[in-house]
Amino acid sequence: MQDHVAIVGRAWHLSAMLTRRLILGRAAALPGLSASLAAGFTAGLTLGMPGRASAAGSFDAFLDGVRADARRAGVSPGTLNRAFAGLRPNDRVLELDRRQPESAMSWEQYRDRIVSQTRIDNGRRAVAESRSLLEAIGTRYRVSPRVVVAIWGMETNYGTNTGGFGVVEALATLAWEGRRASYFRSELLAALRVLEGGHVRPERMRGSWAGAMGQPQFMPSNFERLAVDFDGDGRRDIWDSRADALASIANYLARHGWREGEPWGFEVLPPSGFILDGADTETRRPAREWARFGFRNLNGGPLPASELEMTVVVPNRSGGQVFLGAHNLRAIRRYNPPVNYGLAVGLLSDQVA
């Protein structure tokens, strides 16, 4: 019975893979599939499914619909022609979209990989190079410059790795055939409006396979709402202007509730008998109350007798590390929600300072 199920499952798997390659016009041979069997699959599929020409027509029809929506939103024909010139679906984007297993790394592995000495050193160098800029950004947005730098380092390694996919191509692919088509269609329309605004050329609008753009890795809708022109050149250039990129990160945090002068949090020693699994990570108490419950600084000393409200924060797959997080940790996690991301940003920000 198990052998039968395995054979049927293999057949369905091969059929699905070949179907997608046919739709994308890439019906290459699949591993473990003979040429004659592949031909049989192809013949059977093309009798009951769209072939290459009709799949291309489907994508073209999709683009026609997007074009009409974009025109109604004020995007000019010239912008649309440049953005859609030679545009076809990108099968690599679809592969990456469907192959997103949950990370199996422990918190300690993730922490050591992200908050590495190399990233710390590069962050310190970036702070030294941009000190006056960061001070100006901190003054305007009342956000910690070191947290801005840490997010910059997390997202694109201080602007050195911003992604190699054409944003319009990636978003069009995902909007046409992806798992969250409606979401990516709205982001595609936002990207076209960004192009219409003259902030970036179509060939320079590059980012991740999911459409996150530039040094801060903003989705197009976030660009529209939160990107800023800090250098005053009339464009919000998060690709090539460090001033615009860093100020946009600061504006994002400010708009999501950053509180000037407050810490993000810190590591603590939990009281005897504290259990990681099932720990209460929702209740907010003043730091002095957590001290009364037995939480201590890493050196064993008492916590500050502060009224700052904090919550217990336990990393995913933690081997024992425990933190107290303040409101600003929640602001960081509005940028990217995973708790391990927020903690890594906080720890990196402490080091780059």
Protein backbone atom coordinates (compact mmCIF):
# COMPACT_ATOMS: atom_id res chain seq x y z
CA MET A 1 0.00 0.00 0.00
CA GLN A 2 2.80 2.41 0.91
CA ASP A 3 4.62 1.60 -2.36
CA HIS A 4 1.44 2.32 -4.30
CA VAL A 5 0.97 5.65 -2.53
CA ALA A 6 4.58 6.57 -3.20
CA ILE A 7 4.23 5.78 -6.92
CA VAL A 8 1.01 7.79 -7.21
CA GLY A 9 2.56 10.67 -5.26
CA ARG A 10 5.60 10.63 -7.55
CA ALA A 11 3.34 10.73 -10.60
CA TRP A 12 1.39 13.69 -9.23
CA HIS A 13 4.65 15.47 -8.32
CA LEU A 14 6.08 14.98 -11.81
CA SER A 15 2.82 16.01 -13.40
CA ALA A 16 2.67 19.20 -11.35
CA MET A 17 6.28 20.10 -12.10
CA LEU A 18 5.86 19.50 -15.82
CA THR A 19 2.60 21.43 -15.86
CA ARG A 20 4.29 24.50 -14.41
CA ARG A 21 7.18 24.23 -16.85
CA LEU A 22 4.75 23.97 -19.72
CA ILE A 23 2.91 27.06 -18.50
CA LEU A 24 6.18 28.94 -18.30
CA GLY A 25 7.33 27.68 -21.69
CA ARG A 26 10.15 25.63 -20.15
CA ALA A 27 9.18 21.97 -20.64
CA ALA A 28 12.68 20.70 -19.94
CA ALA A 29 13.18 17.09 -19.01
CA LEU A 30 12.59 16.31 -15.37
CA PRO A 31 14.92 14.18 -13.23
CA GLY A 32 13.88 10.54 -13.26
CA LEU A 33 11.41 10.96 -16.14
CA SER A 34 12.16 9.16 -19.40
CA ALA A 35 11.89 10.98 -22.71
CA SER A 36 8.98 8.79 -23.83
CA LEU A 37 7.12 9.25 -20.56
CA ALA A 38 7.76 12.99 -20.70
CA ALA A 39 6.34 13.05 -24.21
CA GLY A 40 3.30 11.16 -22.97
CA PHE A 41 2.77 13.58 -20.13
CA THR A 42 3.20 16.49 -22.50
CA ALA A 43 0.74 15.15 -25.02
CA GLY A 44 -1.85 14.41 -22.33
CA LEU A 45 -1.46 17.76 -20.67
CA THR A 46 -1.61 19.79 -23.83
CA LEU A 47 -4.89 18.15 -24.76
CA GLY A 48 -6.57 19.41 -21.61
CA MET A 49 -4.50 22.45 -20.60
CA PRO A 50 -3.21 25.67 -22.14
CA GLY A 51 0.00 25.19 -24.08
CA ARG A 52 2.89 27.58 -24.41
CA ALA A 53 1.13 29.99 -26.73
CA SER A 54 -2.04 30.14 -24.66
CA ALA A 55 -0.03 30.50 -21.42
CA ALA A 56 1.82 33.43 -22.96
CA GLY A 57 -1.53 34.82 -24.01
CA SER A 58 -2.79 34.43 -20.46
CA PHE A 59 0.14 36.45 -19.13
CA ASP A 60 -0.33 39.07 -21.83
CA ALA A 61 -4.01 39.31 -20.95
CA PHE A 62 -3.06 39.70 -17.31
CA LEU A 63 -0.69 42.56 -18.20
CA ASP A 64 -3.44 44.20 -20.25
CA GLY A 65 -5.63 44.20 -17.15
CA VAL A 66 -2.86 45.66 -15.02
CA ARG A 67 -2.17 48.25 -17.70
CA ALA A 68 -5.81 49.35 -17.64
CA ASP A 69 -5.83 49.62 -13.84
CA ALA A 70 -2.56 51.55 -13.87
CA ARG A 71 -3.85 53.99 -16.47
CA ARG A 72 -6.87 54.68 -14.26
CA ALA A 73 -4.42 55.34 -11.40
CA GLY A 74 -2.59 57.96 -13.46
CA VAL A 75 0.33 55.95 -14.83
CA SER A 76 1.25 57.16 -18.32
CA PRO A 77 1.48 54.92 -21.42
CA GLY A 78 5.17 55.77 -21.70
CA THR A 79 5.91 54.50 -18.18
CA LEU A 80 3.91 51.34 -18.81
CA ASN A 81 5.65 50.66 -22.11
CA ARG A 82 9.07 50.98 -20.49
CA ALA A 83 8.11 48.89 -17.47
CA PHE A 84 6.51 46.07 -19.49
CA ALA A 85 8.97 45.95 -22.39
CA GLY A 86 9.85 42.29 -23.02
CA LEU A 87 8.29 41.25 -19.72
CA ARG A 88 7.75 37.50 -19.20
CA PRO A 89 7.12 35.38 -16.08
CA ASN A 90 10.21 34.45 -14.08
CA ASP A 91 10.10 30.80 -13.01
CA ARG A 92 12.90 31.35 -10.49
CA VAL A 93 10.63 33.76 -8.62
CA LEU A 94 7.91 31.11 -8.44
CA GLU A 95 10.38 28.50 -7.22
CA LEU A 96 11.54 30.77 -4.42
CA ASP A 97 7.96 31.68 -3.52
CA ARG A 98 7.03 28.03 -3.10
CA ARG A 99 10.21 26.92 -1.39
CA GLN A 100 10.07 28.79 1.89
CA PRO A 101 10.54 26.20 4.63
CA GLU A 102 10.51 27.53 8.15
CA SER A 103 14.05 28.06 9.32
CA ALA A 104 15.36 25.17 11.37
CA MET A 105 18.12 27.29 12.92
CA SER A 106 18.14 27.67 16.65
CA TRP A 107 18.08 31.17 18.09
CA GLU A 108 21.75 30.86 18.96
CA GLN A 109 22.68 29.85 15.40
CA TYR A 110 20.62 32.70 13.95
CA ARG A 111 22.01 35.22 16.45
CA ASP A 112 25.62 34.26 15.80
CA ARG A 113 25.11 34.33 12.04
CA ILE A 114 23.40 37.74 12.03
CA VAL A 115 25.19 39.51 14.85
CA SER A 116 28.58 38.37 13.59
CA GLN A 117 31.81 40.21 14.24
CA THR A 118 32.06 41.04 10.53
CA ARG A 119 28.61 42.63 10.53
CA ILE A 120 29.43 44.50 13.74
CA ASP A 121 32.71 45.81 12.29
CA ASN A 122 31.02 46.87 9.04
CA GLY A 123 28.29 48.59 11.04
CA ARG A 124 30.80 50.53 13.12
CA ARG A 125 32.55 51.58 9.93
CA ALA A 126 29.23 52.71 8.43
CA VAL A 127 28.43 54.73 11.55
CA ALA A 128 31.84 56.43 11.40
CA GLU A 129 31.43 57.25 7.70
CA SER A 130 27.91 58.66 8.13
CA ARG A 131 28.03 60.16 11.61
CA SER A 132 26.81 63.65 10.68
CA LEU A 133 24.09 62.23 8.43
CA LEU A 134 22.89 59.86 11.16
CA GLU A 135 22.85 62.66 13.71
CA ALA A 136 20.72 64.79 11.38
CA ILE A 137 18.34 61.88 10.77
CA GLY A 138 18.10 61.17 14.49
CA THR A 139 17.33 64.81 15.21
CA ARG A 140 14.58 65.03 12.61
CA TYR A 141 12.82 61.74 13.28
CA ARG A 142 13.72 61.29 16.97
CA VAL A 143 14.76 57.71 16.33
CA SER A 144 17.94 55.99 17.52
CA PRO A 145 20.51 56.17 14.68
CA ARG A 146 22.16 52.96 15.83
CA VAL A 147 18.88 51.05 15.39
CA VAL A 148 18.53 52.56 11.91
CA VAL A 149 22.02 51.29 11.08
CA ALA A 150 21.25 47.85 12.53
CA ILE A 151 18.14 47.45 10.35
CA TRP A 152 20.14 48.62 7.35
CA GLY A 153 22.76 46.00 8.16
CA MET A 154 20.16 43.28 8.64
CA GLU A 155 18.23 44.02 5.46
CA THR A 156 20.98 44.56 2.90
CA ASN A 157 24.33 44.31 4.70
CA TYR A 158 24.63 48.11 4.77
CA GLY A 159 23.43 48.56 1.21
CA THR A 160 25.78 46.05 -0.42
CA ASN A 161 23.20 43.35 -1.18
CA THR A 162 19.92 44.86 -2.36
CA GLY A 163 18.73 41.99 -4.58
CA GLY A 164 19.14 41.15 -8.24
CA PHE A 165 15.56 40.76 -9.45
CA GLY A 166 13.68 43.27 -11.56
CA VAL A 167 10.92 44.42 -9.22
CA VAL A 168 8.26 44.76 -11.92
CA GLU A 169 9.12 41.34 -13.34
CA ALA A 170 9.03 39.68 -9.91
CA LEU A 171 5.78 41.30 -8.84
CA ALA A 172 4.10 40.62 -12.18
CA THR A 173 5.09 36.96 -11.95
CA LEU A 174 3.71 36.62 -8.43
CA ALA A 175 0.57 38.58 -9.21
CA TRP A 176 -0.12 36.38 -12.24
CA GLU A 177 0.63 32.96 -10.79
CA GLY A 178 1.66 33.33 -7.13
CA ARG A 179 0.04 32.19 -3.91
CA ARG A 180 -0.99 35.72 -2.91
CA ALA A 181 -1.95 37.12 -6.30
CA SER A 182 -4.19 39.92 -5.00
CA TYR A 183 -1.50 41.26 -2.65
CA PHE A 184 1.22 41.21 -5.30
CA ARG A 185 -1.06 42.82 -7.89
CA SER A 186 -1.57 45.77 -5.56
CA GLU A 187 2.19 45.97 -5.00
CA LEU A 188 2.77 45.84 -8.76
CA LEU A 189 0.45 48.79 -9.25
CA ALA A 190 2.28 50.65 -6.48
CA ALA A 191 5.61 49.93 -8.21
CA LEU A 192 4.26 51.39 -11.44
CA ARG A 193 3.18 54.53 -9.59
CA VAL A 194 6.69 54.80 -8.12
CA LEU A 195 8.11 54.66 -11.65
CA GLU A 196 5.61 57.27 -12.80
CA GLY A 197 6.84 59.55 -10.02
CA GLY A 198 10.33 59.50 -11.54
CA HIS A 199 12.05 58.25 -8.38
CA VAL A 200 13.92 55.46 -10.18
CA ARG A 201 14.41 54.13 -13.71
CA PRO A 202 12.77 50.79 -14.55
CA GLU A 203 16.14 49.09 -15.10
CA ARG A 204 17.39 50.34 -11.71
CA MET A 205 14.25 49.25 -9.84
CA ARG A 206 15.75 46.05 -8.54
CA GLY A 207 15.22 44.14 -5.32
CA SER A 208 14.35 40.76 -3.85
CA TRP A 209 12.39 38.00 -5.56
CA ALA A 210 9.33 39.17 -3.58
CA GLY A 211 9.64 42.79 -4.71
CA ALA A 212 11.31 44.36 -1.66
CA MET A 213 13.32 47.30 -2.97
CA GLY A 214 16.54 49.14 -2.37
CA GLN A 215 18.72 49.48 0.70
CA PRO A 216 15.82 49.42 3.22
CA GLN A 217 14.00 46.62 1.34
CA PHE A 218 10.69 48.50 1.18
CA MET A 219 7.76 46.98 -0.63
CA PRO A 220 6.37 49.48 -3.18
CA SER A 221 3.34 50.36 -1.02
CA ASN A 222 5.64 51.12 1.90
CA PHE A 223 7.78 53.22 -0.42
CA GLU A 224 4.72 55.28 -1.30
CA ARG A 225 3.80 55.84 2.34
CA LEU A 226 7.15 56.04 4.09
CA ALA A 227 10.13 56.69 1.79
CA VAL A 228 11.53 60.22 2.07
CA ASP A 229 13.70 62.59 0.04
CA PHE A 230 16.22 63.50 2.73
CA ASP A 231 18.92 64.81 0.40
CA GLY A 232 16.49 67.23 -1.26
CA ASP A 233 17.09 66.29 -4.89
CA GLY A 234 13.39 65.83 -5.66
CA ARG A 235 13.50 62.00 -5.73
CA ARG A 236 13.02 59.41 -3.02
CA ASP A 237 15.99 57.30 -4.04
CA ILE A 238 16.34 54.34 -1.66
CA TRP A 239 18.64 52.56 -4.14
CA ASP A 240 21.57 54.93 -4.53
CA SER A 241 21.10 57.70 -1.95
CA ARG A 242 22.30 56.69 1.50
CA ALA A 243 20.60 59.75 2.96
CA ASP A 244 17.20 58.81 1.52
CA ALA A 245 17.60 55.13 2.44
CA LEU A 246 18.53 55.69 6.09
CA ALA A 247 16.03 58.49 6.62
CA SER A 248 13.32 56.26 5.16
CA ILE A 249 14.12 53.57 7.75
CA ALA A 250 13.97 56.19 10.48
CA ASN A 251 10.66 57.51 9.17
CA TYR A 252 9.28 53.97 9.15
CA LEU A 253 10.16 53.51 12.82
CA ALA A 254 8.87 56.94 13.77
CA ARG A 255 5.55 56.31 12.04
CA HIS A 256 5.24 52.99 13.86
CA GLY A 257 5.54 54.43 17.33
CA TRP A 258 9.23 54.69 18.19
CA ARG A 259 9.71 56.40 21.57
CA GLU A 260 12.74 58.64 21.76
CA GLY A 261 15.12 57.95 24.61
CA GLU A 262 13.72 54.54 25.54
CA PRO A 263 15.71 51.30 25.15
CA TRP A 264 14.55 48.39 23.02
CA GLY A 265 15.25 45.97 25.87
CA PHE A 266 18.06 43.85 27.30
CA GLU A 267 18.99 40.31 28.24
CA VAL A 268 18.18 39.18 31.78
CA LEU A 269 18.72 36.26 34.12
CA PRO A 270 15.32 34.71 34.87
CA PRO A 271 14.34 33.62 38.37
CA SER A 272 14.90 30.09 39.59
CA GLY A 273 12.29 27.71 38.21
CA PHE A 274 11.50 29.86 35.14
CA ILE A 275 10.30 27.67 32.25
CA LEU A 276 10.88 28.81 28.68
CA ASP A 277 8.01 26.84 27.12
CA GLY A 278 4.73 28.54 27.81
CA ALA A 279 6.29 31.62 29.42
CA ASP A 280 3.98 34.64 29.69
CA THR A 281 5.24 36.96 26.96
CA GLU A 282 2.18 39.22 26.86
CA THR A 283 1.92 40.81 30.30
CA ARG A 284 3.48 44.26 30.57
CA ARG A 285 4.91 45.32 33.89
CA PRO A 286 7.29 48.05 35.06
CA ALA A 287 10.91 46.90 35.18
CA ARG A 288 10.87 47.26 38.98
CA GLU A 289 8.11 44.62 39.18
CA TRP A 290 10.09 42.15 37.08
CA ALA A 291 12.93 42.74 39.56
CA ARG A 292 10.55 41.87 42.39
CA PHE A 293 9.72 38.59 40.62
CA GLY A 294 13.41 37.64 40.60
CA PHE A 295 14.67 38.81 37.19
CA ARG A 296 18.23 40.16 37.34
CA ASN A 297 20.87 41.78 35.18
CA LEU A 298 23.38 39.49 33.49
CA ASN A 299 25.96 40.28 36.18
CA GLY A 300 23.49 39.12 38.81
CA GLY A 301 22.72 42.62 40.02
CA PRO A 302 19.24 44.12 40.40
CA LEU A 303 17.28 45.56 37.51
CA PRO A 304 16.82 49.33 37.48
CA ALA A 305 13.94 50.53 39.63
CA SER A 306 12.22 51.89 36.54
CA GLU A 307 8.60 52.47 35.61
CA LEU A 308 9.38 51.51 31.99
CA GLU A 309 6.85 48.87 30.95
CA MET A 310 8.45 45.69 29.66
CA THR A 311 7.47 42.15 28.69
CA VAL A 312 9.33 38.87 28.89
CA VAL A 313 10.70 37.96 25.46
CA VAL A 314 11.81 34.41 24.68
CA PRO A 315 13.46 33.80 21.28
CA ASN A 316 12.12 31.02 19.08
CA ARG A 317 14.13 27.81 19.56
CA SER A 318 16.08 29.40 22.38
CA GLY A 319 18.58 27.39 24.35
CA GLY A 320 17.91 29.48 27.43
CA GLN A 321 18.43 33.16 26.62
CA VAL A 322 15.69 35.44 28.00
CA PHE A 323 15.09 39.16 27.45
CA LEU A 324 12.90 41.94 28.72
CA GLY A 325 11.56 43.93 25.78
CA ALA A 326 10.23 47.49 25.86
CA HIS A 327 7.87 49.30 23.52
CA ASN A 328 10.63 50.04 21.01
CA LEU A 329 11.19 46.34 20.40
CA ARG A 330 7.59 46.20 19.18
CA ALA A 331 8.35 49.15 16.88
CA ILE A 332 11.32 47.26 15.43
CA ARG A 333 9.10 44.22 14.85
CA ARG A 334 6.70 46.34 12.82
CA TYR A 335 9.53 46.45 10.28
CA ASN A 336 9.77 42.65 10.26
CA PRO A 337 7.60 40.66 12.71
CA PRO A 338 9.65 37.58 13.77
CA VAL A 339 10.78 37.89 17.37
CA ASN A 340 14.27 36.64 16.52
CA TYR A 341 14.62 39.39 13.91
CA GLY A 342 13.67 42.06 16.42
CA LEU A 343 16.08 40.75 19.04
CA ALA A 344 18.92 40.49 16.51
CA VAL A 345 18.36 44.11 15.46
CA GLY A 346 18.44 45.17 19.08
CA LEU A 347 21.64 43.27 19.84
CA LEU A 348 23.33 44.50 16.66
CA SER A 349 22.34 48.09 17.45
CA ASP A 350 24.02 47.77 20.86
CA GLN A 351 27.23 46.59 19.20
CA VAL A 352 27.49 49.06 16.31
CA ALA A 353 27.15 51.95 18.74
